[in-house]
Amino acid sequence: MSELDLKQHGHAAIAMALNGADALLRAGDADGHATWKRVATAINDLLRQAPLEGEQLQQNA
């Protein structure tokens, strides 16, 4: 998933990743399922506007 995908799909990208994870789980691919669950978490983190309490966000140089 690219930055362009995130801009085009926004929060729907999370659902897309989770749907893919579920499909892999149904197909018996536990590793693929776990990977796409991590991708969904990463997408959520990228789309989040503000840091969580006590969290320091990495600043780009």
Protein backbone atom coordinates (compact mmCIF):
# COMPACT_ATOMS: atom_id res chain seq x y z
CA MET A 1 0.00 0.00 0.00
CA SER A 2 1.52 3.27 -1.09
CA GLU A 3 1.10 6.83 0.14
CA LEU A 4 -1.12 7.39 -2.90
CA ASP A 5 -3.35 4.50 -1.82
CA LEU A 6 -3.67 6.05 1.63
CA LYS A 7 -4.60 9.42 0.14
CA GLN A 8 -7.16 7.80 -2.18
CA HIS A 9 -8.71 5.40 0.31
CA GLY A 10 -8.12 7.06 3.70
CA HIS A 11 -9.64 5.09 6.54
CA ALA A 12 -11.17 2.62 4.07
CA ALA A 13 -7.59 1.35 3.59
CA ILE A 14 -7.78 -0.09 7.11
CA ALA A 15 -10.89 -2.04 6.21
CA MET A 16 -9.26 -3.22 2.99
CA ALA A 17 -6.26 -4.55 4.92
CA LEU A 18 -8.49 -6.24 7.51
CA ASN A 19 -10.60 -7.84 4.78
CA GLY A 20 -7.45 -9.21 3.21
CA ALA A 21 -6.33 -10.51 6.60
CA ASP A 22 -9.65 -12.26 7.12
CA ALA A 23 -9.49 -13.85 3.67
CA LEU A 24 -6.02 -15.20 4.41
CA LEU A 25 -7.18 -16.60 7.74
CA ARG A 26 -10.09 -18.37 6.04
CA ALA A 27 -7.61 -19.81 3.54
CA GLY A 28 -5.50 -21.14 6.41
CA ASP A 29 -2.63 -18.68 6.04
CA ALA A 30 -2.00 -17.64 9.64
CA ASP A 31 1.28 -15.85 8.80
CA GLY A 32 -0.36 -13.83 6.02
CA HIS A 33 -3.24 -13.00 8.35
CA ALA A 34 -0.85 -11.74 11.04
CA THR A 35 1.07 -9.69 8.49
CA TRP A 36 -2.03 -7.91 7.17
CA LYS A 37 -3.26 -7.25 10.71
CA ARG A 38 0.08 -5.47 11.32
CA VAL A 39 -0.41 -3.57 8.05
CA ALA A 40 -3.86 -2.43 9.22
CA THR A 41 -2.33 -1.22 12.50
CA ALA A 42 0.39 0.66 10.60
CA ILE A 43 -2.20 2.30 8.33
CA ASN A 44 -4.16 3.40 11.37
CA ASP A 45 -1.00 4.88 12.86
CA LEU A 46 -0.22 6.74 9.62
CA LEU A 47 -3.71 8.19 9.40
CA ARG A 48 -3.89 9.24 13.03
CA GLN A 49 -3.77 13.02 13.34
CA ALA A 50 -2.52 13.36 16.90
CA PRO A 51 -0.19 11.32 19.10
CA LEU A 52 -1.61 9.16 21.86
CA GLU A 53 -1.08 10.35 25.42
CA GLY A 54 2.61 10.03 26.29
CA GLU A 55 3.58 9.15 22.72
CA GLN A 56 6.31 10.99 20.86
CA LEU A 57 5.95 10.97 17.09
CA GLN A 58 9.02 10.64 14.92
CA GLN A 59 9.81 13.83 13.06
CA ASN A 60 11.10 13.72 9.51
CA ALA A 61 14.44 15.42 9.02
